[in-house]
Amino acid sequence: MTVPQPIHDPETHLERKSVLRDLWKQFTSLEYGLVLQAPNVVISGLWDFFTRALTGAPMIRYSQITPQIIVAGQYQKRGWKVLTERGVTASINMRSEFDDEAAGIAPSRHLRLSVEDNT
């Protein structure tokens, strides 16, 4: 099994390059929710999606596990300020397909632990 090499050019980084792909992923997730989940799950997902779009950071209600631990999806560069205001001091990226350092959004205390999806 080969782990993809990180992309070191922020301009060609997938997250900056493919907004439509990200929106398509969100749409298919919404479709899954509409078909297989309760309406409140879909509404919560949409609320989180729009919050991330506006603030760049995940909703604390759905992501803060303890006062010291937040488990969430990808934050945006402007979202790191929001997260530091919440007391976040470091990040761990476990996605193999994205590299926060290459995208220029990794904080100074950052660890990348690549994990393949569905393993």
N, C-alpha and C. Protein backbone atom coordinates (compact mmCIF):
# COMPACT_ATOMS: atom_id res chain seq x y z
N MET A 1 0.85 -1.17 0.00
CA MET A 1 0.00 0.00 0.00
C MET A 1 0.90 1.23 0.00
N THR A 2 0.65 2.13 -0.92
CA THR A 2 1.45 3.33 -1.08
C THR A 2 0.71 4.53 -0.52
N VAL A 3 1.40 5.29 0.32
CA VAL A 3 0.82 6.51 0.88
C VAL A 3 1.16 7.65 -0.07
N PRO A 4 0.15 8.45 -0.47
CA PRO A 4 0.43 9.56 -1.38
C PRO A 4 1.40 10.56 -0.77
N GLN A 5 2.26 11.10 -1.60
CA GLN A 5 3.22 12.10 -1.14
C GLN A 5 2.50 13.45 -0.99
N PRO A 6 2.88 14.22 0.04
CA PRO A 6 2.25 15.52 0.22
C PRO A 6 2.56 16.47 -0.93
N ILE A 7 1.62 17.33 -1.20
CA ILE A 7 1.80 18.36 -2.23
C ILE A 7 2.38 19.58 -1.54
N HIS A 8 3.50 20.08 -2.03
CA HIS A 8 4.17 21.18 -1.34
C HIS A 8 3.92 22.54 -1.98
N ASP A 9 3.08 22.61 -2.98
CA ASP A 9 2.77 23.88 -3.63
C ASP A 9 1.37 24.31 -3.19
N PRO A 10 1.25 25.34 -2.34
CA PRO A 10 -0.07 25.76 -1.86
C PRO A 10 -1.05 26.11 -2.98
N GLU A 11 -0.56 26.56 -4.12
CA GLU A 11 -1.47 26.93 -5.21
C GLU A 11 -2.10 25.71 -5.88
N THR A 12 -1.43 24.56 -5.82
CA THR A 12 -1.99 23.36 -6.44
C THR A 12 -2.60 22.43 -5.41
N HIS A 13 -2.62 22.84 -4.16
CA HIS A 13 -3.19 22.01 -3.10
C HIS A 13 -4.67 21.80 -3.37
N LEU A 14 -5.14 20.58 -3.19
CA LEU A 14 -6.50 20.20 -3.55
C LEU A 14 -7.56 21.07 -2.88
N GLU A 15 -7.36 21.42 -1.62
CA GLU A 15 -8.37 22.21 -0.92
C GLU A 15 -8.51 23.60 -1.51
N ARG A 16 -7.46 24.16 -2.02
CA ARG A 16 -7.54 25.50 -2.60
C ARG A 16 -7.98 25.44 -4.05
N LYS A 17 -7.82 24.30 -4.66
CA LYS A 17 -8.04 24.18 -6.09
C LYS A 17 -9.46 23.74 -6.43
N SER A 18 -10.11 23.04 -5.54
CA SER A 18 -11.35 22.37 -5.92
C SER A 18 -12.51 22.67 -4.97
N VAL A 19 -12.97 23.89 -4.98
CA VAL A 19 -14.13 24.25 -4.17
C VAL A 19 -15.35 23.47 -4.62
N LEU A 20 -15.51 23.29 -5.92
CA LEU A 20 -16.66 22.53 -6.44
C LEU A 20 -16.64 21.09 -5.96
N ARG A 21 -15.45 20.50 -5.89
CA ARG A 21 -15.35 19.13 -5.40
C ARG A 21 -15.77 19.05 -3.94
N ASP A 22 -15.34 20.03 -3.15
CA ASP A 22 -15.75 20.07 -1.75
C ASP A 22 -17.26 20.23 -1.61
N LEU A 23 -17.84 21.10 -2.42
CA LEU A 23 -19.30 21.28 -2.40
C LEU A 23 -20.02 20.00 -2.81
N TRP A 24 -19.47 19.31 -3.82
CA TRP A 24 -20.08 18.06 -4.27
C TRP A 24 -20.04 17.02 -3.14
N LYS A 25 -18.94 16.95 -2.40
CA LYS A 25 -18.85 16.03 -1.26
C LYS A 25 -19.92 16.37 -0.23
N GLN A 26 -20.10 17.65 0.03
CA GLN A 26 -21.12 18.07 0.99
C GLN A 26 -22.52 17.71 0.49
N PHE A 27 -22.76 17.90 -0.79
CA PHE A 27 -24.06 17.57 -1.36
C PHE A 27 -24.35 16.07 -1.26
N THR A 28 -23.38 15.23 -1.59
CA THR A 28 -23.61 13.79 -1.50
C THR A 28 -23.82 13.35 -0.06
N SER A 29 -23.14 14.02 0.87
CA SER A 29 -23.35 13.73 2.28
C SER A 29 -24.76 14.13 2.70
N LEU A 30 -25.23 15.26 2.20
CA LEU A 30 -26.59 15.71 2.47
C LEU A 30 -27.60 14.72 1.90
N GLU A 31 -27.35 14.27 0.68
CA GLU A 31 -28.24 13.29 0.05
C GLU A 31 -28.31 12.01 0.88
N TYR A 32 -27.16 11.54 1.36
CA TYR A 32 -27.11 10.36 2.22
C TYR A 32 -27.96 10.60 3.47
N GLY A 33 -27.80 11.78 4.06
CA GLY A 33 -28.56 12.11 5.25
C GLY A 33 -30.06 12.14 5.00
N LEU A 34 -30.46 12.69 3.87
CA LEU A 34 -31.89 12.76 3.55
C LEU A 34 -32.49 11.38 3.35
N VAL A 35 -31.72 10.47 2.77
CA VAL A 35 -32.23 9.14 2.47
C VAL A 35 -32.18 8.22 3.69
N LEU A 36 -31.09 8.28 4.45
CA LEU A 36 -30.87 7.29 5.49
C LEU A 36 -30.92 7.81 6.92
N GLN A 37 -31.00 9.10 7.13
CA GLN A 37 -30.97 9.65 8.48
C GLN A 37 -32.24 10.44 8.77
N ALA A 38 -32.37 10.84 10.00
CA ALA A 38 -33.50 11.66 10.41
C ALA A 38 -33.30 13.11 9.96
N PRO A 39 -34.38 13.86 9.77
CA PRO A 39 -34.26 15.26 9.33
C PRO A 39 -33.39 16.12 10.24
N ASN A 40 -33.43 15.87 11.55
CA ASN A 40 -32.61 16.69 12.45
C ASN A 40 -31.11 16.48 12.21
N VAL A 41 -30.71 15.30 11.74
CA VAL A 41 -29.31 15.05 11.41
C VAL A 41 -28.91 15.90 10.21
N VAL A 42 -29.80 15.97 9.22
CA VAL A 42 -29.54 16.77 8.02
C VAL A 42 -29.46 18.25 8.38
N ILE A 43 -30.38 18.72 9.19
CA ILE A 43 -30.39 20.13 9.59
C ILE A 43 -29.12 20.47 10.37
N SER A 44 -28.71 19.59 11.27
CA SER A 44 -27.47 19.82 12.03
C SER A 44 -26.26 19.87 11.10
N GLY A 45 -26.22 18.98 10.12
CA GLY A 45 -25.12 18.97 9.15
C GLY A 45 -25.08 20.24 8.33
N LEU A 46 -26.24 20.70 7.89
CA LEU A 46 -26.30 21.95 7.12
C LEU A 46 -25.87 23.14 7.98
N TRP A 47 -26.31 23.16 9.22
CA TRP A 47 -25.95 24.24 10.13
C TRP A 47 -24.44 24.29 10.31
N ASP A 48 -23.82 23.12 10.51
CA ASP A 48 -22.37 23.06 10.66
C ASP A 48 -21.67 23.50 9.37
N PHE A 49 -22.19 23.07 8.23
CA PHE A 49 -21.60 23.43 6.94
C PHE A 49 -21.59 24.95 6.75
N PHE A 50 -22.72 25.60 7.03
CA PHE A 50 -22.80 27.05 6.84
C PHE A 50 -21.97 27.80 7.89
N THR A 51 -21.89 27.25 9.10
CA THR A 51 -21.04 27.86 10.13
C THR A 51 -19.58 27.82 9.70
N ARG A 52 -19.14 26.67 9.16
CA ARG A 52 -17.76 26.55 8.67
C ARG A 52 -17.52 27.53 7.51
N ALA A 53 -18.51 27.66 6.64
CA ALA A 53 -18.35 28.57 5.49
C ALA A 53 -18.20 30.02 5.96
N LEU A 54 -18.91 30.39 7.02
CA LEU A 54 -18.86 31.77 7.51
C LEU A 54 -17.67 32.04 8.42
N THR A 55 -17.35 31.10 9.32
CA THR A 55 -16.30 31.35 10.31
C THR A 55 -14.97 30.69 9.98
N GLY A 56 -15.01 29.64 9.15
CA GLY A 56 -13.79 28.90 8.85
C GLY A 56 -13.47 27.82 9.86
N ALA A 57 -14.33 27.69 10.90
CA ALA A 57 -14.09 26.72 11.97
C ALA A 57 -15.36 25.92 12.25
N PRO A 58 -15.20 24.72 12.81
CA PRO A 58 -16.37 23.90 13.13
C PRO A 58 -17.15 24.46 14.32
N MET A 59 -18.40 24.03 14.44
CA MET A 59 -19.22 24.44 15.57
C MET A 59 -18.72 23.75 16.83
N ILE A 60 -18.57 24.50 17.89
CA ILE A 60 -18.07 23.94 19.14
C ILE A 60 -19.06 22.92 19.71
N ARG A 61 -20.34 23.14 19.49
CA ARG A 61 -21.37 22.25 20.03
C ARG A 61 -21.18 20.81 19.58
N TYR A 62 -20.74 20.62 18.35
CA TYR A 62 -20.60 19.28 17.80
C TYR A 62 -19.16 18.78 17.81
N SER A 63 -18.22 19.60 18.23
CA SER A 63 -16.83 19.19 18.10
C SER A 63 -16.05 19.14 19.42
N GLN A 64 -16.47 19.85 20.45
CA GLN A 64 -15.71 19.86 21.69
C GLN A 64 -16.07 18.64 22.53
N ILE A 65 -15.08 17.76 22.73
CA ILE A 65 -15.27 16.54 23.50
C ILE A 65 -15.02 16.81 24.98
N THR A 66 -13.93 17.48 25.29
CA THR A 66 -13.59 17.93 26.64
C THR A 66 -13.08 19.37 26.48
N PRO A 67 -12.83 20.08 27.60
CA PRO A 67 -12.28 21.42 27.45
C PRO A 67 -10.93 21.45 26.72
N GLN A 68 -10.22 20.32 26.72
CA GLN A 68 -8.91 20.28 26.07
C GLN A 68 -8.92 19.64 24.69
N ILE A 69 -10.00 18.96 24.31
CA ILE A 69 -10.01 18.21 23.05
C ILE A 69 -11.19 18.60 22.17
N ILE A 70 -10.87 18.96 20.93
CA ILE A 70 -11.89 19.23 19.91
C ILE A 70 -11.63 18.26 18.77
N VAL A 71 -12.65 17.52 18.39
CA VAL A 71 -12.55 16.59 17.26
C VAL A 71 -13.46 17.13 16.17
N ALA A 72 -12.86 17.46 15.04
CA ALA A 72 -13.66 18.08 13.99
C ALA A 72 -13.02 17.87 12.63
N GLY A 73 -13.77 18.24 11.63
CA GLY A 73 -13.25 18.21 10.28
C GLY A 73 -12.30 19.36 10.03
N GLN A 74 -11.98 19.56 8.81
CA GLN A 74 -10.99 20.55 8.40
C GLN A 74 -11.42 21.98 8.74
N TYR A 75 -10.50 22.72 9.32
CA TYR A 75 -10.71 24.15 9.52
C TYR A 75 -10.06 24.88 8.36
N GLN A 76 -10.47 26.12 8.16
CA GLN A 76 -9.85 26.95 7.12
C GLN A 76 -8.81 27.85 7.79
N LYS A 77 -7.99 28.49 6.99
CA LYS A 77 -6.93 29.34 7.53
C LYS A 77 -7.50 30.39 8.49
N ARG A 78 -8.56 31.06 8.08
CA ARG A 78 -9.15 32.09 8.95
C ARG A 78 -9.81 31.47 10.18
N GLY A 79 -10.14 30.18 10.10
CA GLY A 79 -10.75 29.49 11.23
C GLY A 79 -9.80 29.20 12.36
N TRP A 80 -8.49 29.19 12.07
CA TRP A 80 -7.52 28.93 13.15
C TRP A 80 -7.60 30.01 14.22
N LYS A 81 -7.86 31.25 13.83
CA LYS A 81 -8.01 32.34 14.82
C LYS A 81 -9.20 32.04 15.73
N VAL A 82 -10.29 31.58 15.15
CA VAL A 82 -11.48 31.22 15.94
C VAL A 82 -11.13 30.10 16.92
N LEU A 83 -10.41 29.10 16.43
CA LEU A 83 -10.05 27.96 17.28
C LEU A 83 -9.11 28.38 18.41
N THR A 84 -8.16 29.26 18.14
CA THR A 84 -7.26 29.71 19.22
C THR A 84 -8.02 30.53 20.26
N GLU A 85 -9.04 31.26 19.83
CA GLU A 85 -9.88 31.99 20.79
C GLU A 85 -10.65 31.03 21.68
N ARG A 86 -10.88 29.82 21.20
CA ARG A 86 -11.55 28.77 22.00
C ARG A 86 -10.56 28.01 22.87
N GLY A 87 -9.28 28.32 22.75
CA GLY A 87 -8.27 27.67 23.58
C GLY A 87 -7.50 26.56 22.89
N VAL A 88 -7.71 26.35 21.61
CA VAL A 88 -6.98 25.31 20.89
C VAL A 88 -5.54 25.77 20.69
N THR A 89 -4.58 24.89 20.98
CA THR A 89 -3.16 25.26 20.88
C THR A 89 -2.39 24.41 19.88
N ALA A 90 -2.98 23.33 19.39
CA ALA A 90 -2.27 22.45 18.45
C ALA A 90 -3.29 21.71 17.59
N SER A 91 -2.81 21.14 16.49
CA SER A 91 -3.70 20.35 15.64
C SER A 91 -3.02 19.07 15.21
N ILE A 92 -3.84 18.06 14.96
CA ILE A 92 -3.37 16.79 14.42
C ILE A 92 -4.20 16.53 13.17
N ASN A 93 -3.54 16.35 12.05
CA ASN A 93 -4.21 16.05 10.78
C ASN A 93 -4.01 14.57 10.48
N MET A 94 -5.10 13.82 10.40
CA MET A 94 -5.01 12.39 10.14
C MET A 94 -5.41 12.03 8.72
N ARG A 95 -5.64 13.02 7.89
CA ARG A 95 -6.05 12.76 6.51
C ARG A 95 -4.83 12.54 5.63
N SER A 96 -4.86 11.48 4.84
CA SER A 96 -3.74 11.21 3.94
C SER A 96 -3.83 12.04 2.67
N GLU A 97 -5.03 12.47 2.31
CA GLU A 97 -5.21 13.16 1.03
C GLU A 97 -4.94 14.66 1.10
N PHE A 98 -4.83 15.23 2.28
CA PHE A 98 -4.58 16.67 2.42
C PHE A 98 -3.39 16.91 3.34
N ASP A 99 -2.66 17.94 3.08
CA ASP A 99 -1.50 18.31 3.88
C ASP A 99 -1.64 19.77 4.29
N ASP A 100 -1.95 20.00 5.56
CA ASP A 100 -2.16 21.36 6.06
C ASP A 100 -0.91 22.22 5.95
N GLU A 101 0.25 21.62 6.13
CA GLU A 101 1.49 22.38 6.01
C GLU A 101 1.67 22.88 4.58
N ALA A 102 1.42 22.02 3.61
CA ALA A 102 1.55 22.42 2.20
C ALA A 102 0.52 23.49 1.84
N ALA A 103 -0.64 23.43 2.46
CA ALA A 103 -1.69 24.41 2.19
C ALA A 103 -1.43 25.73 2.91
N GLY A 104 -0.47 25.72 3.82
CA GLY A 104 -0.16 26.94 4.54
C GLY A 104 -1.12 27.26 5.66
N ILE A 105 -1.81 26.24 6.19
CA ILE A 105 -2.78 26.48 7.26
C ILE A 105 -2.43 25.76 8.56
N ALA A 106 -1.29 25.10 8.61
CA ALA A 106 -0.89 24.38 9.82
C ALA A 106 -0.36 25.36 10.86
N PRO A 107 -0.80 25.23 12.11
CA PRO A 107 -0.24 26.08 13.16
C PRO A 107 1.18 25.62 13.51
N SER A 108 1.84 26.35 14.38
CA SER A 108 3.22 26.00 14.74
C SER A 108 3.29 24.66 15.47
N ARG A 109 2.27 24.33 16.23
CA ARG A 109 2.20 23.03 16.92
C ARG A 109 1.25 22.14 16.13
N HIS A 110 1.81 21.40 15.18
CA HIS A 110 1.01 20.60 14.25
C HIS A 110 1.67 19.24 14.04
N LEU A 111 0.86 18.20 13.99
CA LEU A 111 1.35 16.85 13.73
C LEU A 111 0.50 16.24 12.63
N ARG A 112 1.16 15.63 11.66
CA ARG A 112 0.44 14.95 10.58
C ARG A 112 0.62 13.45 10.74
N LEU A 113 -0.48 12.75 10.97
CA LEU A 113 -0.50 11.29 11.08
C LEU A 113 -1.40 10.76 9.98
N SER A 114 -0.86 10.54 8.82
CA SER A 114 -1.66 10.09 7.67
C SER A 114 -2.30 8.73 7.92
N VAL A 115 -3.61 8.67 7.72
CA VAL A 115 -4.35 7.42 7.84
C VAL A 115 -5.20 7.27 6.58
N GLU A 116 -5.13 6.13 5.95
CA GLU A 116 -5.95 5.88 4.76
C GLU A 116 -7.41 5.74 5.18
N ASP A 117 -8.33 6.29 4.40
CA ASP A 117 -9.75 6.16 4.70
C ASP A 117 -10.19 4.70 4.62
N ASN A 118 -11.24 4.38 5.39
CA ASN A 118 -11.87 3.06 5.38
C ASN A 118 -10.90 1.94 5.74
N THR A 119 -9.99 2.22 6.66
CA THR A 119 -9.07 1.16 7.09
C THR A 119 -9.27 0.84 8.55
